[in-house]
Amino acid sequence: MTYRVCVVCMGNICRSPMAEVVLRKVLADRGLDGQVVVESAGTGGWHVGDPMDERALETLSLRGYDGSSHRARQFTRDWFDRYDLVLAMDRDNLSNLQRIAPEGVEVRLFRSFDPAAPEGAEVPDPYYGGREGFEEVLDLVESAAEGVAKHIADEIH
């Protein structure tokens, strides 16, 4: 059986695709890439079909990741059936997802898996800022991705 996870932000062009790429790599490094599918989406649909933001792509590339194949998608209520784990990048998107989630479905914050992060910690939206914001996002995502991967490994085994 394949375990499926979806990382969700607002437009699916910055934070969630960065987290998708990093989490795939972390899971592959743990030998779990064949057992886990990692995808991403946005709660909003205005970027559907667009590639990743160039600043996000470049930030990933500078650290050895490849996000070039990404195309933005929008998360809809019926998608909850597809995933074992849905992770929101911030509280606004968490609320949006919880509002449309079927009863009994849990949605968590991505950084809730980072033992160094305070409770309720978010991955901030870098879209309206400079390159430093994308570097901060990547730092936060890399920090939490190990915890997400451990959780998934525990769920699988």
N, C-alpha and C. Protein backbone atom coordinates (compact mmCIF):
# COMPACT_ATOMS: atom_id res chain seq x y z
N MET A 1 0.83 -1.19 0.00
CA MET A 1 0.00 0.00 0.00
C MET A 1 0.88 1.25 0.00
N THR A 2 0.49 2.23 -0.76
CA THR A 2 1.23 3.49 -0.85
C THR A 2 0.64 4.51 0.11
N TYR A 3 1.50 5.15 0.88
CA TYR A 3 1.11 6.22 1.79
C TYR A 3 1.14 7.51 0.99
N ARG A 4 0.11 8.35 1.15
CA ARG A 4 0.02 9.57 0.35
C ARG A 4 -0.10 10.81 1.25
N VAL A 5 0.72 11.81 0.94
CA VAL A 5 0.72 13.05 1.71
C VAL A 5 0.59 14.24 0.76
N CYS A 6 -0.16 15.26 1.20
CA CYS A 6 -0.29 16.48 0.41
C CYS A 6 0.04 17.68 1.30
N VAL A 7 0.92 18.53 0.81
CA VAL A 7 1.31 19.75 1.50
C VAL A 7 0.58 20.91 0.84
N VAL A 8 -0.03 21.77 1.66
CA VAL A 8 -0.94 22.79 1.12
C VAL A 8 -0.58 24.19 1.62
N CYS A 9 -0.51 25.13 0.68
CA CYS A 9 -0.37 26.55 1.03
C CYS A 9 -1.47 27.33 0.28
N MET A 10 -1.27 28.60 0.04
CA MET A 10 -2.31 29.42 -0.56
C MET A 10 -2.42 29.21 -2.07
N GLY A 11 -1.32 29.43 -2.80
CA GLY A 11 -1.39 29.40 -4.26
C GLY A 11 -0.65 28.24 -4.91
N ASN A 12 0.08 27.47 -4.12
CA ASN A 12 0.85 26.32 -4.59
C ASN A 12 1.95 26.69 -5.57
N ILE A 13 2.60 27.84 -5.32
CA ILE A 13 3.74 28.20 -6.16
C ILE A 13 5.00 28.51 -5.35
N CYS A 14 4.89 28.59 -4.02
CA CYS A 14 6.07 28.90 -3.19
C CYS A 14 6.30 27.83 -2.13
N ARG A 15 5.59 27.96 -1.01
CA ARG A 15 5.87 27.13 0.16
C ARG A 15 5.58 25.65 -0.03
N SER A 16 4.36 25.33 -0.44
CA SER A 16 4.01 23.90 -0.50
C SER A 16 4.80 23.14 -1.56
N PRO A 17 5.08 23.72 -2.74
CA PRO A 17 5.92 22.95 -3.66
C PRO A 17 7.37 22.82 -3.17
N MET A 18 7.86 23.82 -2.45
CA MET A 18 9.20 23.70 -1.87
C MET A 18 9.20 22.55 -0.87
N ALA A 19 8.17 22.48 -0.02
CA ALA A 19 8.07 21.42 0.96
C ALA A 19 7.91 20.05 0.28
N GLU A 20 7.15 20.02 -0.79
CA GLU A 20 6.98 18.77 -1.55
C GLU A 20 8.32 18.23 -2.04
N VAL A 21 9.11 19.09 -2.64
CA VAL A 21 10.41 18.69 -3.19
C VAL A 21 11.35 18.22 -2.08
N VAL A 22 11.41 18.97 -0.99
CA VAL A 22 12.30 18.63 0.13
C VAL A 22 11.85 17.32 0.77
N LEU A 23 10.56 17.17 1.01
CA LEU A 23 10.06 15.97 1.67
C LEU A 23 10.29 14.73 0.80
N ARG A 24 10.12 14.87 -0.50
CA ARG A 24 10.43 13.73 -1.39
C ARG A 24 11.87 13.28 -1.22
N LYS A 25 12.79 14.24 -1.15
CA LYS A 25 14.22 13.93 -1.02
C LYS A 25 14.51 13.26 0.32
N VAL A 26 13.94 13.79 1.38
CA VAL A 26 14.16 13.23 2.71
C VAL A 26 13.62 11.79 2.77
N LEU A 27 12.45 11.57 2.20
CA LEU A 27 11.88 10.22 2.18
C LEU A 27 12.72 9.28 1.32
N ALA A 28 13.22 9.78 0.19
CA ALA A 28 14.10 8.95 -0.66
C ALA A 28 15.37 8.58 0.08
N ASP A 29 15.93 9.55 0.82
CA ASP A 29 17.14 9.28 1.60
C ASP A 29 16.91 8.21 2.66
N ARG A 30 15.66 8.08 3.12
CA ARG A 30 15.31 7.06 4.12
C ARG A 30 14.89 5.75 3.46
N GLY A 31 14.93 5.72 2.12
CA GLY A 31 14.53 4.51 1.41
C GLY A 31 13.03 4.31 1.30
N LEU A 32 12.27 5.38 1.50
CA LEU A 32 10.81 5.28 1.50
C LEU A 32 10.15 5.82 0.23
N ASP A 33 10.96 6.25 -0.74
CA ASP A 33 10.38 6.91 -1.91
C ASP A 33 9.42 6.01 -2.68
N GLY A 34 9.61 4.73 -2.69
CA GLY A 34 8.71 3.83 -3.39
C GLY A 34 7.43 3.54 -2.63
N GLN A 35 7.39 3.92 -1.36
CA GLN A 35 6.23 3.65 -0.52
C GLN A 35 5.38 4.87 -0.23
N VAL A 36 5.88 6.05 -0.59
CA VAL A 36 5.19 7.29 -0.26
C VAL A 36 5.09 8.18 -1.50
N VAL A 37 3.90 8.74 -1.70
CA VAL A 37 3.69 9.73 -2.75
C VAL A 37 3.52 11.07 -2.06
N VAL A 38 4.31 12.06 -2.47
CA VAL A 38 4.23 13.41 -1.91
C VAL A 38 3.75 14.34 -3.00
N GLU A 39 2.71 15.09 -2.72
CA GLU A 39 2.17 16.08 -3.67
C GLU A 39 1.92 17.37 -2.92
N SER A 40 1.56 18.41 -3.67
CA SER A 40 1.21 19.68 -3.04
C SER A 40 0.07 20.32 -3.81
N ALA A 41 -0.56 21.30 -3.14
CA ALA A 41 -1.68 22.01 -3.74
C ALA A 41 -1.87 23.32 -3.00
N GLY A 42 -2.75 24.16 -3.52
CA GLY A 42 -3.10 25.41 -2.88
C GLY A 42 -4.57 25.44 -2.54
N THR A 43 -4.93 26.25 -1.55
CA THR A 43 -6.35 26.41 -1.24
C THR A 43 -7.02 27.34 -2.24
N GLY A 44 -6.23 28.19 -2.88
CA GLY A 44 -6.75 29.07 -3.92
C GLY A 44 -6.40 28.56 -5.30
N GLY A 45 -7.17 28.96 -6.29
CA GLY A 45 -6.98 28.42 -7.62
C GLY A 45 -6.40 29.36 -8.66
N TRP A 46 -5.96 30.54 -8.27
CA TRP A 46 -5.54 31.52 -9.27
C TRP A 46 -4.23 31.19 -9.97
N HIS A 47 -3.43 30.26 -9.45
CA HIS A 47 -2.17 29.89 -10.11
C HIS A 47 -2.21 28.50 -10.75
N VAL A 48 -3.38 27.86 -10.80
CA VAL A 48 -3.49 26.49 -11.32
C VAL A 48 -2.81 26.38 -12.68
N GLY A 49 -1.93 25.40 -12.80
CA GLY A 49 -1.20 25.16 -14.05
C GLY A 49 0.11 25.91 -14.17
N ASP A 50 0.35 26.87 -13.27
CA ASP A 50 1.58 27.67 -13.33
C ASP A 50 2.75 26.90 -12.73
N PRO A 51 3.97 27.20 -13.21
CA PRO A 51 5.15 26.60 -12.57
C PRO A 51 5.40 27.27 -11.21
N MET A 52 6.35 26.73 -10.50
CA MET A 52 6.76 27.28 -9.21
C MET A 52 7.31 28.70 -9.41
N ASP A 53 7.11 29.54 -8.42
CA ASP A 53 7.67 30.89 -8.43
C ASP A 53 9.18 30.79 -8.70
N GLU A 54 9.69 31.64 -9.56
CA GLU A 54 11.11 31.57 -9.94
C GLU A 54 12.05 31.70 -8.74
N ARG A 55 11.67 32.51 -7.77
CA ARG A 55 12.53 32.69 -6.58
C ARG A 55 12.57 31.39 -5.76
N ALA A 56 11.43 30.71 -5.66
CA ALA A 56 11.39 29.43 -4.95
C ALA A 56 12.23 28.40 -5.68
N LEU A 57 12.08 28.36 -6.99
CA LEU A 57 12.82 27.41 -7.82
C LEU A 57 14.33 27.63 -7.69
N GLU A 58 14.74 28.88 -7.75
CA GLU A 58 16.16 29.21 -7.64
C GLU A 58 16.71 28.88 -6.25
N THR A 59 15.93 29.17 -5.21
CA THR A 59 16.36 28.87 -3.85
C THR A 59 16.55 27.37 -3.67
N LEU A 60 15.61 26.59 -4.18
CA LEU A 60 15.75 25.13 -4.14
C LEU A 60 16.99 24.68 -4.90
N SER A 61 17.15 25.22 -6.08
CA SER A 61 18.26 24.82 -6.96
C SER A 61 19.62 25.08 -6.31
N LEU A 62 19.74 26.20 -5.62
CA LEU A 62 21.00 26.55 -4.97
C LEU A 62 21.38 25.55 -3.88
N ARG A 63 20.40 24.80 -3.38
CA ARG A 63 20.68 23.78 -2.36
C ARG A 63 20.58 22.36 -2.93
N GLY A 64 20.54 22.25 -4.25
CA GLY A 64 20.61 20.94 -4.87
C GLY A 64 19.29 20.24 -5.12
N TYR A 65 18.19 20.96 -5.01
CA TYR A 65 16.87 20.38 -5.26
C TYR A 65 16.39 20.78 -6.65
N ASP A 66 15.49 19.97 -7.22
CA ASP A 66 14.91 20.27 -8.54
C ASP A 66 13.40 20.35 -8.44
N GLY A 67 12.87 21.53 -8.63
CA GLY A 67 11.42 21.73 -8.61
C GLY A 67 10.86 22.11 -9.96
N SER A 68 11.62 21.88 -11.01
CA SER A 68 11.26 22.37 -12.34
C SER A 68 10.00 21.75 -12.93
N SER A 69 9.61 20.57 -12.48
CA SER A 69 8.44 19.92 -13.07
C SER A 69 7.13 20.32 -12.40
N HIS A 70 7.19 21.12 -11.36
CA HIS A 70 5.98 21.49 -10.61
C HIS A 70 5.00 22.32 -11.44
N ARG A 71 3.71 22.01 -11.26
CA ARG A 71 2.62 22.81 -11.80
C ARG A 71 1.58 22.94 -10.69
N ALA A 72 1.12 24.15 -10.45
CA ALA A 72 0.20 24.43 -9.34
C ALA A 72 -1.15 23.76 -9.55
N ARG A 73 -1.70 23.31 -8.41
CA ARG A 73 -3.03 22.69 -8.39
C ARG A 73 -3.82 23.26 -7.22
N GLN A 74 -5.13 23.08 -7.26
CA GLN A 74 -5.99 23.54 -6.16
C GLN A 74 -6.57 22.34 -5.42
N PHE A 75 -6.47 22.38 -4.10
CA PHE A 75 -7.01 21.33 -3.24
C PHE A 75 -8.51 21.50 -3.13
N THR A 76 -9.26 20.44 -3.31
CA THR A 76 -10.71 20.48 -3.16
C THR A 76 -11.16 19.42 -2.17
N ARG A 77 -12.36 19.53 -1.66
CA ARG A 77 -12.87 18.65 -0.60
C ARG A 77 -12.71 17.17 -0.94
N ASP A 78 -12.98 16.79 -2.17
CA ASP A 78 -12.91 15.37 -2.53
C ASP A 78 -11.48 14.81 -2.50
N TRP A 79 -10.49 15.68 -2.41
CA TRP A 79 -9.10 15.23 -2.34
C TRP A 79 -8.76 14.57 -1.00
N PHE A 80 -9.53 14.86 0.04
CA PHE A 80 -9.23 14.27 1.34
C PHE A 80 -9.21 12.75 1.27
N ASP A 81 -10.02 12.18 0.39
CA ASP A 81 -10.06 10.71 0.23
C ASP A 81 -8.76 10.17 -0.35
N ARG A 82 -8.00 11.00 -1.02
CA ARG A 82 -6.76 10.56 -1.69
C ARG A 82 -5.56 10.46 -0.76
N TYR A 83 -5.61 11.17 0.37
CA TYR A 83 -4.41 11.34 1.18
C TYR A 83 -4.55 10.77 2.58
N ASP A 84 -3.43 10.25 3.07
CA ASP A 84 -3.34 9.77 4.45
C ASP A 84 -2.96 10.91 5.40
N LEU A 85 -2.30 11.93 4.86
CA LEU A 85 -1.83 13.05 5.67
C LEU A 85 -1.92 14.32 4.83
N VAL A 86 -2.59 15.34 5.39
CA VAL A 86 -2.69 16.65 4.74
C VAL A 86 -2.06 17.66 5.69
N LEU A 87 -1.08 18.39 5.16
CA LEU A 87 -0.29 19.33 5.96
C LEU A 87 -0.44 20.75 5.43
N ALA A 88 -0.83 21.67 6.29
CA ALA A 88 -0.97 23.08 5.93
C ALA A 88 0.29 23.84 6.33
N MET A 89 0.64 24.83 5.54
CA MET A 89 1.85 25.61 5.82
C MET A 89 1.62 26.71 6.85
N ASP A 90 0.37 27.15 7.01
CA ASP A 90 0.08 28.19 8.00
C ASP A 90 -1.34 28.03 8.54
N ARG A 91 -1.68 28.83 9.54
CA ARG A 91 -2.99 28.70 10.20
C ARG A 91 -4.14 29.10 9.30
N ASP A 92 -3.94 30.07 8.41
CA ASP A 92 -5.03 30.45 7.48
C ASP A 92 -5.40 29.28 6.58
N ASN A 93 -4.40 28.62 6.01
CA ASN A 93 -4.68 27.48 5.15
C ASN A 93 -5.18 26.29 5.96
N LEU A 94 -4.69 26.14 7.18
CA LEU A 94 -5.20 25.10 8.07
C LEU A 94 -6.70 25.30 8.28
N SER A 95 -7.11 26.54 8.58
CA SER A 95 -8.53 26.84 8.78
C SER A 95 -9.34 26.58 7.51
N ASN A 96 -8.80 26.99 6.37
CA ASN A 96 -9.50 26.75 5.10
C ASN A 96 -9.70 25.25 4.86
N LEU A 97 -8.68 24.47 5.13
CA LEU A 97 -8.78 23.02 4.94
C LEU A 97 -9.73 22.39 5.96
N GLN A 98 -9.65 22.81 7.21
CA GLN A 98 -10.53 22.26 8.24
C GLN A 98 -12.00 22.56 7.93
N ARG A 99 -12.25 23.70 7.33
CA ARG A 99 -13.62 24.10 6.98
C ARG A 99 -14.23 23.16 5.95
N ILE A 100 -13.41 22.63 5.03
CA ILE A 100 -13.95 21.76 3.97
C ILE A 100 -13.71 20.27 4.23
N ALA A 101 -12.98 19.96 5.30
CA ALA A 101 -12.63 18.56 5.60
C ALA A 101 -13.86 17.78 6.06
N PRO A 102 -13.98 16.54 5.61
CA PRO A 102 -15.03 15.67 6.14
C PRO A 102 -14.81 15.45 7.63
N GLU A 103 -15.85 15.14 8.34
CA GLU A 103 -15.76 14.91 9.77
C GLU A 103 -14.76 13.80 10.07
N GLY A 104 -13.93 14.03 11.08
CA GLY A 104 -12.98 13.02 11.50
C GLY A 104 -11.64 13.07 10.78
N VAL A 105 -11.51 13.93 9.78
CA VAL A 105 -10.24 14.04 9.05
C VAL A 105 -9.37 15.08 9.75
N GLU A 106 -8.14 14.69 10.04
CA GLU A 106 -7.21 15.60 10.71
C GLU A 106 -6.30 16.27 9.69
N VAL A 107 -6.16 17.58 9.83
CA VAL A 107 -5.21 18.36 9.04
C VAL A 107 -4.24 18.96 10.05
N ARG A 108 -2.94 18.88 9.75
CA ARG A 108 -1.94 19.39 10.68
C ARG A 108 -1.08 20.45 10.03
N LEU A 109 -0.46 21.26 10.87
CA LEU A 109 0.53 22.22 10.40
C LEU A 109 1.82 21.49 10.08
N PHE A 110 2.47 21.85 8.98
CA PHE A 110 3.72 21.22 8.57
C PHE A 110 4.77 21.30 9.67
N ARG A 111 4.89 22.46 10.30
CA ARG A 111 5.93 22.65 11.31
C ARG A 111 5.61 21.98 12.63
N SER A 112 4.41 21.41 12.77
CA SER A 112 4.10 20.70 14.01
C SER A 112 4.98 19.47 14.18
N PHE A 113 5.67 19.06 13.12
CA PHE A 113 6.58 17.91 13.18
C PHE A 113 8.02 18.31 13.48
N ASP A 114 8.26 19.59 13.65
CA ASP A 114 9.61 20.08 13.97
C ASP A 114 9.72 20.23 15.48
N PRO A 115 10.53 19.37 16.13
CA PRO A 115 10.62 19.45 17.59
C PRO A 115 11.18 20.78 18.10
N ALA A 116 11.87 21.52 17.25
CA ALA A 116 12.44 22.81 17.66
C ALA A 116 11.45 23.96 17.50
N ALA A 117 10.33 23.71 16.84
CA ALA A 117 9.36 24.79 16.57
C ALA A 117 8.37 24.92 17.72
N PRO A 118 8.02 26.15 18.05
CA PRO A 118 6.99 26.34 19.09
C PRO A 118 5.63 25.84 18.58
N GLU A 119 4.73 25.53 19.49
CA GLU A 119 3.39 25.08 19.11
C GLU A 119 2.72 26.13 18.22
N GLY A 120 2.09 25.68 17.16
CA GLY A 120 1.39 26.57 16.24
C GLY A 120 2.30 27.28 15.25
N ALA A 121 3.57 26.90 15.19
CA ALA A 121 4.52 27.56 14.29
C ALA A 121 4.11 27.36 12.84
N GLU A 122 4.31 28.40 12.05
CA GLU A 122 3.92 28.41 10.65
C GLU A 122 5.13 28.53 9.74
N VAL A 123 4.93 28.26 8.47
CA VAL A 123 5.90 28.60 7.44
C VAL A 123 5.35 29.87 6.79
N PRO A 124 6.03 31.01 6.97
CA PRO A 124 5.50 32.28 6.48
C PRO A 124 5.52 32.36 4.95
N ASP A 125 4.58 33.12 4.42
CA ASP A 125 4.47 33.30 2.97
C ASP A 125 5.54 34.28 2.50
N PRO A 126 6.46 33.83 1.63
CA PRO A 126 7.54 34.71 1.18
C PRO A 126 7.19 35.53 -0.07
N TYR A 127 6.01 35.33 -0.62
CA TYR A 127 5.67 35.83 -1.95
C TYR A 127 5.91 37.33 -2.14
N TYR A 128 5.54 38.14 -1.16
CA TYR A 128 5.64 39.59 -1.33
C TYR A 128 6.95 40.18 -0.82
N GLY A 129 7.88 39.32 -0.44
CA GLY A 129 9.16 39.80 0.07
C GLY A 129 10.30 39.49 -0.88
N GLY A 130 11.49 39.55 -0.34
CA GLY A 130 12.70 39.31 -1.13
C GLY A 130 13.18 37.88 -1.04
N ARG A 131 14.35 37.64 -1.58
CA ARG A 131 14.95 36.31 -1.62
C ARG A 131 15.16 35.72 -0.23
N GLU A 132 15.43 36.57 0.75
CA GLU A 132 15.67 36.07 2.10
C GLU A 132 14.47 35.28 2.62
N GLY A 133 13.28 35.71 2.25
CA GLY A 133 12.07 35.02 2.69
C GLY A 133 12.01 33.59 2.17
N PHE A 134 12.46 33.39 0.94
CA PHE A 134 12.47 32.05 0.36
C PHE A 134 13.53 31.17 1.02
N GLU A 135 14.65 31.78 1.39
CA GLU A 135 15.69 31.05 2.11
C GLU A 135 15.19 30.63 3.49
N GLU A 136 14.46 31.54 4.16
CA GLU A 136 13.88 31.21 5.47
C GLU A 136 12.88 30.06 5.33
N VAL A 137 12.03 30.12 4.31
CA VAL A 137 11.06 29.05 4.08
C VAL A 137 11.78 27.72 3.91
N LEU A 138 12.83 27.71 3.11
CA LEU A 138 13.56 26.47 2.87
C LEU A 138 14.20 25.96 4.17
N ASP A 139 14.75 26.85 4.98
CA ASP A 139 15.32 26.45 6.27
C ASP A 139 14.25 25.79 7.15
N LEU A 140 13.08 26.41 7.24
CA LEU A 140 12.01 25.90 8.08
C LEU A 140 11.48 24.56 7.56
N VAL A 141 11.36 24.47 6.24
CA VAL A 141 10.87 23.24 5.62
C VAL A 141 11.86 22.10 5.84
N GLU A 142 13.15 22.37 5.63
CA GLU A 142 14.16 21.33 5.84
C GLU A 142 14.15 20.86 7.29
N SER A 143 13.97 21.79 8.22
CA SER A 143 13.96 21.46 9.63
C SER A 143 12.78 20.55 9.99
N ALA A 144 11.61 20.84 9.45
CA ALA A 144 10.41 20.06 9.77
C ALA A 144 10.31 18.77 8.97
N ALA A 145 10.92 18.71 7.79
CA ALA A 145 10.76 17.55 6.89
C ALA A 145 11.24 16.25 7.53
N GLU A 146 12.30 16.32 8.32
CA GLU A 146 12.78 15.11 9.00
C GLU A 146 11.72 14.55 9.94
N GLY A 147 11.05 15.43 10.67
CA GLY A 147 9.99 14.99 11.58
C GLY A 147 8.79 14.43 10.83
N VAL A 148 8.45 15.05 9.71
CA VAL A 148 7.35 14.54 8.88
C VAL A 148 7.72 13.14 8.38
N ALA A 149 8.95 12.98 7.89
CA ALA A 149 9.40 11.69 7.37
C ALA A 149 9.39 10.62 8.47
N LYS A 150 9.80 10.98 9.67
CA LYS A 150 9.76 10.03 10.79
C LYS A 150 8.33 9.61 11.08
N HIS A 151 7.41 10.57 11.10
CA HIS A 151 5.99 10.27 11.33
C HIS A 151 5.46 9.30 10.26
N ILE A 152 5.79 9.58 9.02
CA ILE A 152 5.33 8.73 7.92
C ILE A 152 5.93 7.32 8.04
N ALA A 153 7.22 7.25 8.35
CA ALA A 153 7.87 5.95 8.53
C ALA A 153 7.20 5.16 9.64
N ASP A 154 6.86 5.83 10.74
CA ASP A 154 6.15 5.17 11.85
C ASP A 154 4.78 4.69 11.42
N GLU A 155 4.09 5.49 10.62
CA GLU A 155 2.75 5.13 10.12
C GLU A 155 2.82 3.90 9.20
N ILE A 156 3.83 3.86 8.36
CA ILE A 156 3.98 2.77 7.40
C ILE A 156 4.33 1.47 8.10
N HIS A 157 5.23 1.58 9.08
CA HIS A 157 5.72 0.38 9.77
C HIS A 157 4.94 0.19 11.02
